[in-house]
């Protein structure tokens, strides 16, 4: 199973060269939350095993937050390398879909989207001093009726065919992102 760090590296690498805002630690945390939620919705299982906690500015994977905390609100540099072989094809499709859906939003917009009345974060969060785990069943309940396009789009199918021809043992997230962008420009 991939880790939250693997998913974080995917988003950081995939974001390079896009028209979207650079990824700050807060934006990264929200993308991880949406990836976990949509994994529960689409596959009925977690994408990564690390817990997600309710912090003042929304859901957070503590270890990933700490890793990138020196960046504060600045963009996380793309020097972070990852490997797509940590994910199966369905997971790569999910990560691509999550990025396409949510990568366009700012960190503050994503934070606001996780703070809605009745959503998991608002049901668990109590105070800045008390960082409580958001249980997976609560996360799943947020995503029961929040579907990403469950069918791979043509660009993703083309990328999957390319991955079948050239297995991803050594493909970085940046290389995968370039592959996807080249396919999308066709």
N, C-alpha and C. Protein backbone atom coordinates (compact mmCIF):
# COMPACT_ATOMS: atom_id res chain seq x y z
N UNK A 1 0.84 -1.18 0.00
CA UNK A 1 0.00 0.00 0.00
C UNK A 1 0.89 1.24 0.00
N UNK A 2 0.49 2.21 -0.78
CA UNK A 2 1.21 3.48 -0.83
C UNK A 2 1.00 4.23 0.49
N UNK A 3 1.88 5.17 0.74
CA UNK A 3 1.77 5.99 1.95
C UNK A 3 1.22 7.37 1.59
N UNK A 4 0.88 8.13 2.61
CA UNK A 4 0.46 9.51 2.39
C UNK A 4 1.60 10.31 1.76
N UNK A 5 2.85 9.97 2.10
CA UNK A 5 3.99 10.64 1.48
C UNK A 5 4.03 10.38 -0.02
N UNK A 6 3.71 9.14 -0.43
CA UNK A 6 3.68 8.82 -1.86
C UNK A 6 2.63 9.67 -2.58
N UNK A 7 1.45 9.79 -1.97
CA UNK A 7 0.40 10.60 -2.57
C UNK A 7 0.81 12.07 -2.59
N UNK A 8 1.45 12.54 -1.52
CA UNK A 8 1.91 13.93 -1.48
C UNK A 8 2.92 14.20 -2.60
N UNK A 9 3.86 13.30 -2.77
CA UNK A 9 4.86 13.46 -3.82
C UNK A 9 4.21 13.44 -5.20
N UNK A 10 3.16 12.63 -5.36
CA UNK A 10 2.43 12.64 -6.63
C UNK A 10 1.89 14.03 -6.91
N UNK A 11 1.17 14.61 -5.96
CA UNK A 11 0.56 15.92 -6.18
C UNK A 11 1.61 17.01 -6.41
N UNK A 12 2.69 16.98 -5.65
CA UNK A 12 3.74 17.99 -5.82
C UNK A 12 4.36 17.87 -7.21
N UNK A 13 4.70 16.65 -7.60
CA UNK A 13 5.30 16.44 -8.93
C UNK A 13 4.33 16.71 -10.06
N UNK A 14 3.10 16.29 -9.89
CA UNK A 14 2.10 16.45 -10.94
C UNK A 14 1.77 17.91 -11.18
N UNK A 15 1.85 18.72 -10.15
CA UNK A 15 1.51 20.14 -10.24
C UNK A 15 2.51 20.94 -11.07
N UNK A 16 3.73 20.45 -11.18
CA UNK A 16 4.78 21.22 -11.86
C UNK A 16 4.38 21.50 -13.31
N UNK A 17 4.50 22.75 -13.69
CA UNK A 17 4.21 23.14 -15.07
C UNK A 17 2.74 23.30 -15.39
N UNK A 18 1.87 23.28 -14.37
CA UNK A 18 0.45 23.49 -14.64
C UNK A 18 0.12 24.96 -14.45
N UNK A 19 -1.08 25.31 -14.85
CA UNK A 19 -1.53 26.69 -14.69
C UNK A 19 -2.08 26.95 -13.29
N UNK A 20 -2.16 25.91 -12.47
CA UNK A 20 -2.72 26.06 -11.13
C UNK A 20 -1.69 26.65 -10.17
N UNK A 21 -2.20 27.17 -9.04
CA UNK A 21 -1.33 27.68 -7.99
C UNK A 21 -0.33 26.61 -7.57
N UNK A 22 0.86 27.07 -7.16
CA UNK A 22 1.81 26.14 -6.59
C UNK A 22 1.19 25.50 -5.35
N UNK A 23 1.70 24.35 -4.98
CA UNK A 23 1.14 23.62 -3.84
C UNK A 23 1.84 24.01 -2.56
N UNK A 24 1.10 24.61 -1.66
CA UNK A 24 1.58 24.90 -0.31
C UNK A 24 1.25 23.69 0.56
N UNK A 25 1.74 23.70 1.78
CA UNK A 25 1.46 22.60 2.70
C UNK A 25 -0.05 22.50 2.96
N UNK A 26 -0.73 23.64 3.12
CA UNK A 26 -2.17 23.58 3.37
C UNK A 26 -2.92 23.00 2.17
N UNK A 27 -2.57 23.43 0.98
CA UNK A 27 -3.24 22.89 -0.21
C UNK A 27 -2.95 21.39 -0.34
N UNK A 28 -1.72 21.00 -0.07
CA UNK A 28 -1.36 19.59 -0.13
C UNK A 28 -2.21 18.77 0.84
N UNK A 29 -2.39 19.27 2.05
CA UNK A 29 -3.19 18.55 3.05
C UNK A 29 -4.61 18.33 2.55
N UNK A 30 -5.18 19.32 1.90
CA UNK A 30 -6.57 19.19 1.42
C UNK A 30 -6.64 18.22 0.24
N UNK A 31 -5.64 18.25 -0.64
CA UNK A 31 -5.61 17.28 -1.74
C UNK A 31 -5.51 15.86 -1.21
N UNK A 32 -4.71 15.66 -0.16
CA UNK A 32 -4.62 14.33 0.46
C UNK A 32 -5.96 13.90 1.04
N UNK A 33 -6.65 14.84 1.68
CA UNK A 33 -7.97 14.54 2.25
C UNK A 33 -8.95 14.13 1.15
N UNK A 34 -8.97 14.89 0.07
CA UNK A 34 -9.89 14.56 -1.02
C UNK A 34 -9.50 13.23 -1.69
N UNK A 35 -8.21 12.95 -1.80
CA UNK A 35 -7.78 11.67 -2.37
C UNK A 35 -8.23 10.51 -1.49
N UNK A 36 -8.05 10.66 -0.18
CA UNK A 36 -8.48 9.60 0.75
C UNK A 36 -10.00 9.42 0.70
N UNK A 37 -10.72 10.51 0.71
CA UNK A 37 -12.19 10.43 0.68
C UNK A 37 -12.70 9.80 -0.60
N UNK A 38 -12.14 10.19 -1.72
CA UNK A 38 -12.61 9.62 -2.99
C UNK A 38 -12.15 8.17 -3.15
N UNK A 39 -11.04 7.78 -2.53
CA UNK A 39 -10.65 6.38 -2.52
C UNK A 39 -11.68 5.55 -1.75
N UNK A 40 -12.10 6.06 -0.61
CA UNK A 40 -13.14 5.37 0.16
C UNK A 40 -14.44 5.28 -0.63
N UNK A 41 -14.78 6.35 -1.33
CA UNK A 41 -16.01 6.38 -2.14
C UNK A 41 -15.91 5.44 -3.34
N UNK A 42 -14.81 5.49 -4.06
CA UNK A 42 -14.68 4.74 -5.31
C UNK A 42 -14.33 3.27 -5.08
N UNK A 43 -13.41 3.00 -4.14
CA UNK A 43 -12.89 1.64 -3.96
C UNK A 43 -13.36 0.97 -2.68
N UNK A 44 -13.90 1.75 -1.75
CA UNK A 44 -14.28 1.19 -0.46
C UNK A 44 -13.08 0.87 0.43
N UNK A 45 -11.94 1.51 0.15
CA UNK A 45 -10.72 1.29 0.94
C UNK A 45 -9.90 2.57 0.95
N UNK A 46 -8.98 2.63 1.92
CA UNK A 46 -8.12 3.81 2.02
C UNK A 46 -7.04 3.76 0.94
N UNK A 47 -6.58 4.93 0.56
CA UNK A 47 -5.47 5.06 -0.37
C UNK A 47 -4.15 4.93 0.37
N UNK A 48 -4.13 5.43 1.61
CA UNK A 48 -2.94 5.38 2.45
C UNK A 48 -3.38 5.14 3.89
N UNK A 49 -2.50 4.53 4.71
CA UNK A 49 -2.91 4.13 6.06
C UNK A 49 -2.83 5.23 7.13
N UNK A 50 -2.10 6.31 6.88
CA UNK A 50 -1.90 7.33 7.91
C UNK A 50 -3.23 8.01 8.27
N UNK A 51 -3.40 8.31 9.56
CA UNK A 51 -4.64 8.97 9.97
C UNK A 51 -4.69 10.43 9.52
N UNK A 52 -5.90 10.93 9.38
CA UNK A 52 -6.13 12.34 9.07
C UNK A 52 -6.74 12.97 10.32
N UNK A 53 -6.17 14.10 10.72
CA UNK A 53 -6.61 14.78 11.94
C UNK A 53 -7.34 16.08 11.60
N UNK A 54 -8.21 16.50 12.51
CA UNK A 54 -8.94 17.76 12.38
C UNK A 54 -8.13 18.86 13.06
N UNK A 55 -7.52 19.72 12.25
CA UNK A 55 -6.76 20.86 12.75
C UNK A 55 -7.54 22.13 12.46
N UNK A 56 -7.06 23.23 12.96
CA UNK A 56 -7.77 24.50 12.82
C UNK A 56 -8.10 24.83 11.36
N UNK A 57 -7.19 24.60 10.44
CA UNK A 57 -7.42 24.94 9.04
C UNK A 57 -7.85 23.74 8.19
N UNK A 58 -8.39 22.73 8.84
CA UNK A 58 -8.94 21.61 8.10
C UNK A 58 -8.20 20.30 8.34
N UNK A 59 -8.53 19.30 7.53
CA UNK A 59 -7.93 17.97 7.68
C UNK A 59 -6.43 18.00 7.38
N UNK A 60 -5.66 17.25 8.18
CA UNK A 60 -4.20 17.22 8.06
C UNK A 60 -3.68 15.81 8.32
N UNK A 61 -2.74 15.39 7.48
CA UNK A 61 -1.94 14.19 7.75
C UNK A 61 -0.69 14.70 8.46
N UNK A 62 -0.63 14.46 9.77
CA UNK A 62 0.40 15.07 10.62
C UNK A 62 1.82 14.87 10.09
N UNK A 63 2.21 13.64 9.76
CA UNK A 63 3.59 13.38 9.35
C UNK A 63 3.95 14.13 8.07
N UNK A 64 3.02 14.21 7.14
CA UNK A 64 3.28 14.95 5.90
C UNK A 64 3.38 16.44 6.21
N UNK A 65 2.49 16.92 7.06
CA UNK A 65 2.54 18.33 7.44
C UNK A 65 3.90 18.68 8.05
N UNK A 66 4.36 17.85 8.97
CA UNK A 66 5.64 18.11 9.64
C UNK A 66 6.77 18.10 8.61
N UNK A 67 6.75 17.16 7.69
CA UNK A 67 7.80 17.06 6.67
C UNK A 67 7.96 18.36 5.88
N UNK A 68 6.86 19.01 5.56
CA UNK A 68 6.90 20.21 4.72
C UNK A 68 6.66 21.50 5.52
N UNK A 69 6.69 21.42 6.84
CA UNK A 69 6.37 22.59 7.67
C UNK A 69 7.37 23.73 7.53
N UNK A 70 8.59 23.45 7.14
CA UNK A 70 9.56 24.54 6.95
C UNK A 70 9.15 25.48 5.82
N UNK A 71 8.31 25.00 4.93
CA UNK A 71 7.85 25.84 3.81
C UNK A 71 6.81 26.86 4.26
N UNK A 72 6.24 26.64 5.43
CA UNK A 72 5.14 27.48 5.92
C UNK A 72 4.07 27.59 4.84
N UNK A 73 3.70 28.79 4.38
CA UNK A 73 2.67 28.91 3.35
C UNK A 73 3.25 29.04 1.95
N UNK A 74 4.58 28.95 1.84
CA UNK A 74 5.26 29.04 0.54
C UNK A 74 5.07 27.73 -0.25
N UNK A 75 5.21 27.80 -1.56
CA UNK A 75 5.11 26.57 -2.37
C UNK A 75 6.16 25.54 -1.98
N UNK A 76 5.78 24.30 -2.06
CA UNK A 76 6.71 23.20 -1.81
C UNK A 76 7.51 22.99 -3.09
N UNK A 77 8.84 22.99 -3.01
CA UNK A 77 9.64 22.85 -4.23
C UNK A 77 9.46 21.48 -4.87
N UNK A 78 9.66 21.46 -6.17
CA UNK A 78 9.46 20.23 -6.92
C UNK A 78 10.60 19.24 -6.78
N UNK A 79 11.61 19.56 -5.98
CA UNK A 79 12.73 18.64 -5.80
C UNK A 79 12.28 17.33 -5.16
N UNK A 80 11.05 17.30 -4.65
CA UNK A 80 10.52 16.09 -4.05
C UNK A 80 10.27 15.07 -5.17
N UNK A 81 10.95 13.94 -5.11
CA UNK A 81 10.82 12.91 -6.15
C UNK A 81 9.94 11.78 -5.65
N UNK A 82 9.18 11.23 -6.55
CA UNK A 82 8.34 10.09 -6.22
C UNK A 82 8.36 9.10 -7.36
N UNK A 83 7.67 8.01 -7.19
CA UNK A 83 7.66 6.93 -8.17
C UNK A 83 6.24 6.42 -8.33
N UNK A 84 5.72 6.48 -9.55
CA UNK A 84 4.34 6.07 -9.77
C UNK A 84 4.10 4.59 -9.53
N UNK A 85 5.16 3.78 -9.48
CA UNK A 85 4.96 2.35 -9.27
C UNK A 85 4.42 2.04 -7.87
N UNK A 86 4.37 3.03 -7.00
CA UNK A 86 3.78 2.84 -5.66
C UNK A 86 2.26 2.70 -5.74
N UNK A 87 1.67 3.04 -6.90
CA UNK A 87 0.22 3.01 -7.06
C UNK A 87 -0.16 2.05 -8.17
N UNK A 88 -1.33 1.43 -8.03
CA UNK A 88 -1.84 0.64 -9.15
C UNK A 88 -2.55 1.59 -10.12
N UNK A 89 -2.99 1.05 -11.25
CA UNK A 89 -3.61 1.89 -12.29
C UNK A 89 -4.85 2.61 -11.80
N UNK A 90 -5.69 1.93 -11.02
CA UNK A 90 -6.90 2.57 -10.50
C UNK A 90 -6.56 3.73 -9.57
N UNK A 91 -5.53 3.55 -8.76
CA UNK A 91 -5.11 4.62 -7.84
C UNK A 91 -4.53 5.81 -8.60
N UNK A 92 -3.74 5.52 -9.66
CA UNK A 92 -3.22 6.62 -10.48
C UNK A 92 -4.35 7.39 -11.14
N UNK A 93 -5.35 6.68 -11.63
CA UNK A 93 -6.51 7.33 -12.23
C UNK A 93 -7.21 8.20 -11.19
N UNK A 94 -7.38 7.68 -9.98
CA UNK A 94 -8.00 8.44 -8.91
C UNK A 94 -7.20 9.70 -8.59
N UNK A 95 -5.89 9.58 -8.42
CA UNK A 95 -5.05 10.74 -8.11
C UNK A 95 -5.13 11.79 -9.22
N UNK A 96 -5.11 11.33 -10.46
CA UNK A 96 -5.26 12.24 -11.60
C UNK A 96 -6.60 12.96 -11.53
N UNK A 97 -7.67 12.21 -11.28
CA UNK A 97 -9.01 12.81 -11.20
C UNK A 97 -9.12 13.80 -10.04
N UNK A 98 -8.56 13.45 -8.88
CA UNK A 98 -8.59 14.36 -7.73
C UNK A 98 -7.85 15.65 -8.08
N UNK A 99 -6.68 15.52 -8.69
CA UNK A 99 -5.93 16.71 -9.05
C UNK A 99 -6.70 17.56 -10.06
N UNK A 100 -7.29 16.93 -11.07
CA UNK A 100 -8.04 17.68 -12.08
C UNK A 100 -9.23 18.40 -11.46
N UNK A 101 -9.87 17.78 -10.50
CA UNK A 101 -11.05 18.37 -9.87
C UNK A 101 -10.69 19.47 -8.85
N UNK A 102 -9.69 19.22 -8.03
CA UNK A 102 -9.41 20.10 -6.90
C UNK A 102 -8.13 20.93 -7.02
N UNK A 103 -7.23 20.55 -7.91
CA UNK A 103 -5.97 21.28 -8.06
C UNK A 103 -6.16 22.72 -8.50
N UNK A 104 -7.28 23.00 -9.12
CA UNK A 104 -7.56 24.35 -9.61
C UNK A 104 -7.86 25.35 -8.49
N UNK A 105 -8.17 24.85 -7.30
CA UNK A 105 -8.57 25.73 -6.21
C UNK A 105 -7.39 26.14 -5.34
N UNK A 106 -7.50 27.32 -4.75
CA UNK A 106 -6.48 27.80 -3.82
C UNK A 106 -6.56 27.00 -2.52
N UNK A 107 -5.51 27.11 -1.73
CA UNK A 107 -5.49 26.44 -0.43
C UNK A 107 -6.65 26.91 0.44
N UNK A 108 -6.91 28.21 0.44
CA UNK A 108 -7.99 28.73 1.29
C UNK A 108 -9.36 28.28 0.81
N UNK A 109 -9.55 28.18 -0.49
CA UNK A 109 -10.83 27.68 -1.02
C UNK A 109 -11.02 26.21 -0.62
N UNK A 110 -9.97 25.41 -0.75
CA UNK A 110 -10.06 24.01 -0.35
C UNK A 110 -10.33 23.88 1.15
N UNK A 111 -9.68 24.73 1.95
CA UNK A 111 -9.95 24.74 3.40
C UNK A 111 -11.43 25.02 3.65
N UNK A 112 -11.95 26.05 3.00
CA UNK A 112 -13.35 26.39 3.19
C UNK A 112 -14.28 25.25 2.77
N UNK A 113 -13.90 24.53 1.72
CA UNK A 113 -14.72 23.42 1.24
C UNK A 113 -14.78 22.27 2.24
N UNK A 114 -13.76 22.13 3.08
CA UNK A 114 -13.76 21.04 4.07
C UNK A 114 -14.44 21.44 5.37
N UNK A 115 -14.81 22.72 5.52
CA UNK A 115 -15.35 23.23 6.78
C UNK A 115 -16.88 23.31 6.81
N UNK A 116 -17.56 22.75 5.84
CA UNK A 116 -19.02 22.85 5.79
C UNK A 116 -19.71 22.22 6.99
N UNK A 117 -20.84 22.81 7.36
CA UNK A 117 -21.64 22.26 8.46
C UNK A 117 -21.98 20.80 8.19
N UNK A 118 -21.78 19.99 9.20
CA UNK A 118 -22.12 18.58 9.11
C UNK A 118 -21.06 17.70 8.47
N UNK A 119 -20.02 18.32 7.88
CA UNK A 119 -18.95 17.52 7.30
C UNK A 119 -18.05 16.97 8.40
N UNK A 120 -17.27 15.96 8.06
CA UNK A 120 -16.45 15.25 9.05
C UNK A 120 -15.58 16.19 9.88
N UNK A 121 -14.90 17.13 9.23
CA UNK A 121 -14.03 18.04 9.97
C UNK A 121 -14.82 18.81 11.03
N UNK A 122 -15.96 19.37 10.65
CA UNK A 122 -16.74 20.18 11.59
C UNK A 122 -17.34 19.34 12.72
N UNK A 123 -17.50 18.05 12.49
CA UNK A 123 -18.03 17.17 13.53
C UNK A 123 -16.96 16.74 14.53
N UNK A 124 -15.68 16.84 14.14
CA UNK A 124 -14.59 16.36 14.98
C UNK A 124 -13.80 17.52 15.61
N UNK A 125 -13.62 18.60 14.88
CA UNK A 125 -12.77 19.71 15.35
C UNK A 125 -13.37 20.37 16.58
N UNK A 126 -12.52 20.59 17.60
CA UNK A 126 -12.96 21.25 18.83
C UNK A 126 -12.20 22.54 19.09
N UNK A 127 -10.85 22.50 19.01
CA UNK A 127 -10.05 23.69 19.29
C UNK A 127 -8.66 23.51 18.67
N UNK A 128 -7.92 24.63 18.49
CA UNK A 128 -6.58 24.51 17.91
C UNK A 128 -5.64 23.63 18.74
N UNK A 129 -5.86 23.56 20.02
CA UNK A 129 -4.99 22.76 20.89
C UNK A 129 -5.30 21.27 20.80
N UNK A 130 -6.48 20.92 20.36
CA UNK A 130 -6.92 19.53 20.36
C UNK A 130 -7.03 19.02 18.93
N UNK A 131 -6.05 18.24 18.51
CA UNK A 131 -6.02 17.70 17.15
C UNK A 131 -6.51 16.25 17.20
N UNK A 132 -7.73 16.03 16.77
CA UNK A 132 -8.36 14.72 16.88
C UNK A 132 -8.40 14.03 15.51
N UNK A 133 -8.28 12.70 15.54
CA UNK A 133 -8.34 11.91 14.32
C UNK A 133 -9.76 11.94 13.77
N UNK A 134 -9.86 12.14 12.46
CA UNK A 134 -11.15 12.02 11.77
C UNK A 134 -11.25 10.56 11.33
N UNK A 135 -12.15 9.84 11.90
CA UNK A 135 -12.28 8.41 11.60
C UNK A 135 -12.67 8.20 10.13
N UNK A 136 -12.20 7.09 9.58
CA UNK A 136 -12.41 6.81 8.17
C UNK A 136 -13.89 6.71 7.80
N UNK A 137 -14.73 6.21 8.71
CA UNK A 137 -16.16 6.13 8.40
C UNK A 137 -16.78 7.52 8.27
N UNK A 138 -16.27 8.50 9.04
CA UNK A 138 -16.75 9.88 8.91
C UNK A 138 -16.30 10.48 7.58
N UNK A 139 -15.05 10.22 7.23
CA UNK A 139 -14.56 10.70 5.93
C UNK A 139 -15.40 10.08 4.81
N UNK A 140 -15.62 8.78 4.90
CA UNK A 140 -16.41 8.09 3.88
C UNK A 140 -17.80 8.69 3.76
N UNK A 141 -18.40 9.07 4.89
CA UNK A 141 -19.76 9.63 4.83
C UNK A 141 -19.78 10.97 4.10
N UNK A 142 -18.69 11.75 4.17
CA UNK A 142 -18.61 13.00 3.41
C UNK A 142 -18.63 12.76 1.91
N UNK A 143 -18.14 11.61 1.49
CA UNK A 143 -17.94 11.36 0.06
C UNK A 143 -18.96 10.40 -0.54
N UNK A 144 -19.96 10.00 0.23
CA UNK A 144 -20.97 9.07 -0.28
C UNK A 144 -21.64 9.57 -1.55
N UNK A 145 -21.92 10.85 -1.61
CA UNK A 145 -22.62 11.41 -2.77
C UNK A 145 -21.78 12.45 -3.49
N UNK A 146 -20.47 12.37 -3.34
CA UNK A 146 -19.57 13.34 -3.96
C UNK A 146 -18.68 12.59 -4.94
N UNK A 147 -19.18 12.36 -6.13
CA UNK A 147 -18.48 11.51 -7.08
C UNK A 147 -17.58 12.29 -7.99
N UNK A 148 -16.39 11.74 -8.20
CA UNK A 148 -15.58 12.14 -9.33
C UNK A 148 -16.07 11.29 -10.48
N UNK A 149 -15.73 11.64 -11.67
CA UNK A 149 -16.09 10.80 -12.81
C UNK A 149 -15.47 9.43 -12.59
N UNK A 150 -16.30 8.43 -12.32
CA UNK A 150 -15.80 7.10 -11.99
C UNK A 150 -15.21 6.35 -13.16
N UNK A 151 -15.50 6.78 -14.37
CA UNK A 151 -14.94 6.13 -15.54
C UNK A 151 -13.71 6.90 -15.99
N UNK A 152 -12.63 6.20 -16.33
CA UNK A 152 -11.45 6.91 -16.80
C UNK A 152 -11.76 7.69 -18.07
N UNK A 153 -11.26 8.93 -18.13
CA UNK A 153 -11.45 9.70 -19.35
C UNK A 153 -10.47 9.22 -20.41
N UNK A 154 -10.62 9.69 -21.64
CA UNK A 154 -9.78 9.21 -22.73
C UNK A 154 -8.30 9.48 -22.47
N UNK A 155 -8.00 10.64 -21.88
CA UNK A 155 -6.60 10.95 -21.58
C UNK A 155 -6.01 9.95 -20.59
N UNK A 156 -6.79 9.60 -19.58
CA UNK A 156 -6.32 8.66 -18.58
C UNK A 156 -6.18 7.26 -19.18
N UNK A 157 -7.13 6.87 -20.02
CA UNK A 157 -7.02 5.58 -20.69
C UNK A 157 -5.76 5.51 -21.55
N UNK A 158 -5.45 6.59 -22.25
CA UNK A 158 -4.23 6.63 -23.06
C UNK A 158 -2.99 6.51 -22.17
N UNK A 159 -2.99 7.20 -21.05
CA UNK A 159 -1.86 7.11 -20.12
C UNK A 159 -1.73 5.69 -19.57
N UNK A 160 -2.85 5.05 -19.28
CA UNK A 160 -2.82 3.68 -18.79
C UNK A 160 -2.27 2.74 -19.86
N UNK A 161 -2.67 2.93 -21.11
CA UNK A 161 -2.11 2.12 -22.21
C UNK A 161 -0.60 2.32 -22.30
N UNK A 162 -0.17 3.57 -22.16
CA UNK A 162 1.26 3.87 -22.19
C UNK A 162 1.97 3.19 -21.02
N UNK A 163 1.35 3.20 -19.84
CA UNK A 163 1.94 2.54 -18.69
C UNK A 163 2.00 1.03 -18.88
N UNK A 164 0.98 0.46 -19.56
CA UNK A 164 1.01 -0.97 -19.84
C UNK A 164 2.17 -1.33 -20.76
N UNK A 165 2.44 -0.46 -21.75
CA UNK A 165 3.54 -0.71 -22.68
C UNK A 165 4.90 -0.48 -22.02
N UNK A 166 4.95 0.48 -21.10
CA UNK A 166 6.19 0.83 -20.41
C UNK A 166 5.92 0.84 -18.92
N UNK A 167 6.05 -0.32 -18.26
CA UNK A 167 5.74 -0.38 -16.83
C UNK A 167 6.45 0.70 -16.04
N UNK A 168 5.80 1.20 -14.98
CA UNK A 168 6.27 2.39 -14.29
C UNK A 168 7.34 2.18 -13.23
N UNK A 169 8.18 1.13 -13.35
CA UNK A 169 9.17 0.91 -12.30
C UNK A 169 9.99 2.14 -11.99
N UNK A 170 10.36 2.90 -12.99
CA UNK A 170 11.27 4.01 -12.75
C UNK A 170 10.70 5.35 -13.19
N UNK A 171 9.41 5.42 -13.42
CA UNK A 171 8.82 6.67 -13.86
C UNK A 171 8.52 7.55 -12.66
N UNK A 172 9.02 8.76 -12.69
CA UNK A 172 8.75 9.70 -11.60
C UNK A 172 7.37 10.32 -11.80
N UNK A 173 6.88 10.99 -10.77
CA UNK A 173 5.60 11.68 -10.90
C UNK A 173 5.70 12.79 -11.92
N UNK A 174 6.85 13.43 -12.01
CA UNK A 174 7.04 14.48 -12.99
C UNK A 174 6.93 13.91 -14.40
N UNK A 175 7.55 12.74 -14.63
CA UNK A 175 7.46 12.08 -15.93
C UNK A 175 6.03 11.66 -16.24
N UNK A 176 5.32 11.16 -15.23
CA UNK A 176 3.92 10.78 -15.42
C UNK A 176 3.09 12.02 -15.76
N UNK A 177 3.32 13.12 -15.06
CA UNK A 177 2.59 14.35 -15.33
C UNK A 177 2.86 14.83 -16.75
N UNK A 178 4.11 14.76 -17.19
CA UNK A 178 4.46 15.15 -18.55
C UNK A 178 3.75 14.26 -19.56
N UNK A 179 3.74 12.97 -19.29
CA UNK A 179 3.04 12.03 -20.16
C UNK A 179 1.56 12.39 -20.26
N UNK A 180 0.92 12.65 -19.11
CA UNK A 180 -0.49 13.01 -19.11
C UNK A 180 -0.74 14.32 -19.84
N UNK A 181 0.11 15.30 -19.65
CA UNK A 181 -0.05 16.60 -20.32
C UNK A 181 0.12 16.46 -21.83
N UNK A 182 1.07 15.64 -22.26
CA UNK A 182 1.26 15.41 -23.69
C UNK A 182 0.04 14.74 -24.30
N UNK A 183 -0.53 13.80 -23.59
CA UNK A 183 -1.73 13.11 -24.08
C UNK A 183 -2.90 14.09 -24.14
N UNK A 184 -3.06 14.93 -23.10
CA UNK A 184 -4.18 15.87 -23.05
C UNK A 184 -4.07 16.93 -24.14
N UNK A 185 -2.85 17.24 -24.60
CA UNK A 185 -2.68 18.28 -25.63
C UNK A 185 -2.96 17.75 -27.02
N UNK A 186 -3.08 16.44 -27.16
CA UNK A 186 -3.36 15.85 -28.48
C UNK A 186 -4.79 16.09 -28.92
